[in-house]
Amino acid sequence: MKESFDPSLIERLESPERKKELPASSLLKMLQVNGEVDVLDIGAGTGYFSIPAASLTTGTVYALDTEPAMLDMMRGRAQEQGITNVKVMEGVLEQLPLQDETVDRVIASLILHITDQLEESISQIARVLRPGGRCLCLEWQEDSSEKRVPRPNRVDPQVLKAMLEQAGLQVDGIQYPTDRHYLIIASK
């Protein structure tokens, strides 16, 4: 992995700014999380997407993260809210701990830029998606302003699109919900 998440930054994950710029409910609607779909939230963190997804589906929401502190926090949040369809799992993007074709939806939010094995990670996403499944990839855009030094750990949207297609997924397009983020929805 190129970088790991600093748990001291947890407040940012639930910040009012993030909730305004990237509302989980809107993104889950775009991904068509509803009915009985099973969802995998990769790098689930505090449950920003997992907790609201669990209220939109009667299927299982697999909340995957590498940080035990995050997983404990998410278990607590789910328990507090009486949510029973979230399955908290420890694991990594490069080797998803699920069988082939296990889920109908995958959320990869601000996680793909931290892997040294992007192609393998995308293959893992395609592997666990059922036919007809959908994936939402939300990533940072490179900041082209002169104020910041370019970060080496950004994934160009066209590169990500090409990798998703190479893995057998159909990309529905690239959107730019903020000046700092882009998202791609792809289907199998």
Protein backbone atom coordinates (compact mmCIF):
# COMPACT_ATOMS: atom_id res chain seq x y z
CA MET A 1 0.00 0.00 0.00
CA LYS A 2 1.20 3.49 -0.82
CA GLU A 3 -0.22 5.08 2.32
CA SER A 4 -2.30 4.08 5.27
CA PHE A 5 -5.05 6.00 6.98
CA ASP A 6 -4.18 7.95 10.07
CA PRO A 7 -6.88 7.16 12.67
CA SER A 8 -6.45 10.64 14.15
CA LEU A 9 -8.21 11.94 11.04
CA ILE A 10 -11.48 10.11 11.79
CA GLU A 11 -13.38 13.37 12.28
CA ARG A 12 -12.78 14.24 8.62
CA LEU A 13 -14.66 11.13 7.53
CA GLU A 14 -17.84 12.38 9.16
CA SER A 15 -17.28 16.12 8.67
CA PRO A 16 -20.16 18.42 7.72
CA GLU A 17 -18.12 19.47 4.66
CA ARG A 18 -17.87 15.89 3.40
CA LYS A 19 -21.55 15.26 4.09
CA LYS A 20 -22.44 18.37 2.07
CA GLU A 21 -20.03 17.74 -0.83
CA LEU A 22 -20.44 13.96 -1.06
CA PRO A 23 -23.74 13.00 0.57
CA ALA A 24 -23.85 9.25 1.11
CA SER A 25 -27.57 9.09 0.32
CA SER A 26 -27.11 10.64 -3.14
CA LEU A 27 -24.17 8.41 -4.04
CA LEU A 28 -25.96 5.28 -2.81
CA LYS A 29 -28.97 6.25 -4.93
CA MET A 30 -26.69 6.59 -7.99
CA LEU A 31 -25.34 3.12 -7.23
CA GLN A 32 -28.91 1.82 -6.91
CA VAL A 33 -28.57 0.44 -3.40
CA ASN A 34 -32.09 -0.76 -2.63
CA GLY A 35 -34.25 -3.85 -2.24
CA GLU A 36 -32.29 -6.97 -1.38
CA VAL A 37 -28.87 -6.14 -2.86
CA ASP A 38 -25.71 -7.28 -1.09
CA VAL A 39 -23.13 -4.49 -0.80
CA LEU A 40 -19.37 -4.43 -0.24
CA ASP A 41 -17.95 -1.20 1.16
CA ILE A 42 -14.16 -1.35 0.71
CA GLY A 43 -12.25 0.83 3.15
CA ALA A 44 -15.48 1.32 5.07
CA GLY A 45 -13.88 3.38 7.82
CA THR A 46 -16.47 4.69 10.25
CA GLY A 47 -19.36 3.41 8.15
CA TYR A 48 -19.99 6.59 6.16
CA PHE A 49 -21.54 4.47 3.39
CA SER A 50 -22.09 1.14 5.17
CA ILE A 51 -24.52 2.42 7.81
CA PRO A 52 -26.85 4.28 5.40
CA ALA A 53 -26.58 1.43 2.85
CA ALA A 54 -27.80 -1.01 5.50
CA SER A 55 -30.99 0.99 5.86
CA LEU A 56 -31.61 0.90 2.10
CA THR A 57 -31.27 -2.85 1.57
CA THR A 58 -32.38 -6.00 3.33
CA GLY A 59 -29.28 -7.70 1.92
CA THR A 60 -25.93 -7.94 3.69
CA VAL A 61 -23.59 -4.96 3.79
CA TYR A 62 -20.00 -6.16 4.06
CA ALA A 63 -17.98 -3.36 5.68
CA LEU A 64 -14.31 -4.06 4.95
CA ASP A 65 -11.38 -2.20 6.48
CA THR A 66 -7.82 -2.88 7.61
CA GLU A 67 -7.99 -0.81 10.79
CA PRO A 68 -9.33 -2.67 13.85
CA ALA A 69 -10.19 0.67 15.51
CA MET A 70 -12.40 1.60 12.56
CA LEU A 71 -14.08 -1.80 12.60
CA ASP A 72 -14.80 -1.51 16.33
CA MET A 73 -16.23 1.95 15.80
CA MET A 74 -18.49 0.70 13.02
CA ARG A 75 -19.69 -2.27 15.07
CA GLY A 76 -20.62 0.15 17.83
CA ARG A 77 -22.46 2.50 15.47
CA ALA A 78 -24.42 -0.36 13.90
CA GLN A 79 -25.33 -1.72 17.32
CA GLU A 80 -26.38 1.73 18.60
CA GLN A 81 -28.67 2.14 15.61
CA GLY A 82 -30.07 -1.38 15.78
CA ILE A 83 -28.65 -2.31 12.39
CA THR A 84 -28.29 -6.06 12.00
CA ASN A 85 -27.37 -6.49 8.33
CA VAL A 86 -23.83 -5.04 8.48
CA LYS A 87 -21.07 -7.63 8.55
CA VAL A 88 -17.82 -5.99 9.65
CA MET A 89 -14.73 -7.64 8.12
CA GLU A 90 -11.00 -7.08 8.33
CA GLY A 91 -9.25 -7.38 4.99
CA VAL A 92 -7.41 -5.67 2.15
CA LEU A 93 -8.44 -4.43 -1.25
CA GLU A 94 -5.83 -6.52 -3.06
CA GLN A 95 -7.26 -9.81 -1.69
CA LEU A 96 -10.95 -9.31 -0.96
CA PRO A 97 -12.06 -11.96 1.56
CA LEU A 98 -15.23 -12.88 -0.35
CA GLN A 99 -16.12 -15.65 -2.77
CA ASP A 100 -16.59 -14.95 -6.49
CA GLU A 101 -19.84 -13.19 -7.40
CA THR A 102 -20.87 -12.52 -3.78
CA VAL A 103 -22.18 -8.95 -4.00
CA ASP A 104 -24.46 -6.84 -6.17
CA ARG A 105 -22.85 -3.48 -5.35
CA VAL A 106 -19.31 -2.37 -4.51
CA ILE A 107 -18.29 0.96 -3.03
CA ALA A 108 -14.62 1.88 -3.39
CA SER A 109 -14.53 5.36 -1.89
CA LEU A 110 -11.18 7.15 -1.65
CA ILE A 111 -9.33 3.84 -1.36
CA LEU A 112 -7.96 2.90 -4.79
CA HIS A 113 -5.22 5.53 -4.69
CA ILE A 114 -3.53 3.84 -1.73
CA THR A 115 -2.80 0.51 -3.38
CA ASP A 116 0.43 -0.44 -5.11
CA GLN A 117 -1.57 -3.12 -6.95
CA LEU A 118 -4.31 -1.13 -8.66
CA GLU A 119 -4.86 -3.59 -11.51
CA GLU A 120 -5.18 -6.54 -9.09
CA SER A 121 -7.50 -4.51 -6.87
CA ILE A 122 -9.79 -3.74 -9.80
CA SER A 123 -9.73 -7.44 -10.77
CA GLN A 124 -10.77 -8.31 -7.21
CA ILE A 125 -13.73 -5.91 -7.44
CA ALA A 126 -14.82 -7.46 -10.74
CA ARG A 127 -14.40 -10.96 -9.27
CA VAL A 128 -16.70 -10.40 -6.29
CA LEU A 129 -19.41 -8.61 -8.31
CA ARG A 130 -22.34 -10.68 -9.50
CA PRO A 131 -23.45 -10.38 -13.14
CA GLY A 132 -25.54 -7.23 -13.39
CA GLY A 133 -23.74 -5.78 -10.35
CA ARG A 134 -22.60 -2.18 -10.10
CA CYS A 135 -19.51 -0.51 -8.64
CA LEU A 136 -18.96 3.07 -7.54
CA CYS A 137 -15.36 4.29 -7.49
CA LEU A 138 -14.89 7.68 -5.86
CA GLU A 139 -11.39 9.13 -6.02
CA TRP A 140 -9.36 12.28 -5.57
CA GLN A 141 -8.57 14.40 -8.59
CA GLU A 142 -5.07 15.68 -9.04
CA ASP A 143 -4.93 19.27 -7.80
CA SER A 144 -3.59 21.29 -10.69
CA SER A 145 -3.34 24.52 -8.72
CA GLU A 146 0.15 25.83 -8.17
CA LYS A 147 -0.44 26.06 -4.42
CA ARG A 148 0.04 22.34 -3.86
CA VAL A 149 2.77 19.97 -4.81
CA PRO A 150 1.32 17.20 -7.03
CA ARG A 151 0.67 14.01 -5.08
CA PRO A 152 2.11 10.81 -6.52
CA ASN A 153 -0.78 8.73 -5.21
CA ARG A 154 -3.59 9.92 -7.43
CA VAL A 155 -5.28 7.74 -10.03
CA ASP A 156 -6.04 9.49 -13.28
CA PRO A 157 -9.74 9.05 -14.14
CA GLN A 158 -8.96 7.83 -17.67
CA VAL A 159 -6.51 5.25 -16.29
CA LEU A 160 -9.10 3.99 -13.81
CA LYS A 161 -11.74 3.85 -16.55
CA ALA A 162 -9.43 1.80 -18.77
CA MET A 163 -8.58 -0.61 -15.93
CA LEU A 164 -12.25 -1.14 -15.08
CA GLU A 165 -12.98 -1.91 -18.73
CA GLN A 166 -9.96 -4.22 -18.93
CA ALA A 167 -11.40 -6.13 -15.94
CA GLY A 168 -14.60 -6.70 -17.90
CA LEU A 169 -16.73 -3.93 -16.43
CA GLN A 170 -18.75 -1.45 -18.45
CA VAL A 171 -18.10 2.15 -17.43
CA ASP A 172 -21.19 4.35 -17.46
CA GLY A 173 -19.13 7.55 -17.42
CA ILE A 174 -16.99 9.81 -15.28
CA GLN A 175 -18.57 12.49 -13.11
CA TYR A 176 -17.01 15.29 -11.11
CA PRO A 177 -19.15 15.91 -8.00
CA THR A 178 -16.62 18.40 -6.58
CA ASP A 179 -13.51 20.16 -7.84
CA ARG A 180 -11.44 17.66 -5.81
CA HIS A 181 -13.19 14.37 -6.60
CA TYR A 182 -14.34 12.26 -9.49
CA LEU A 183 -16.51 9.18 -9.56
CA ILE A 184 -17.03 6.34 -11.94
CA ILE A 185 -19.94 3.93 -11.93
CA ALA A 186 -19.30 0.65 -13.71
CA SER A 187 -21.42 -2.46 -14.17
CA LYS A 188 -20.74 -6.12 -14.80
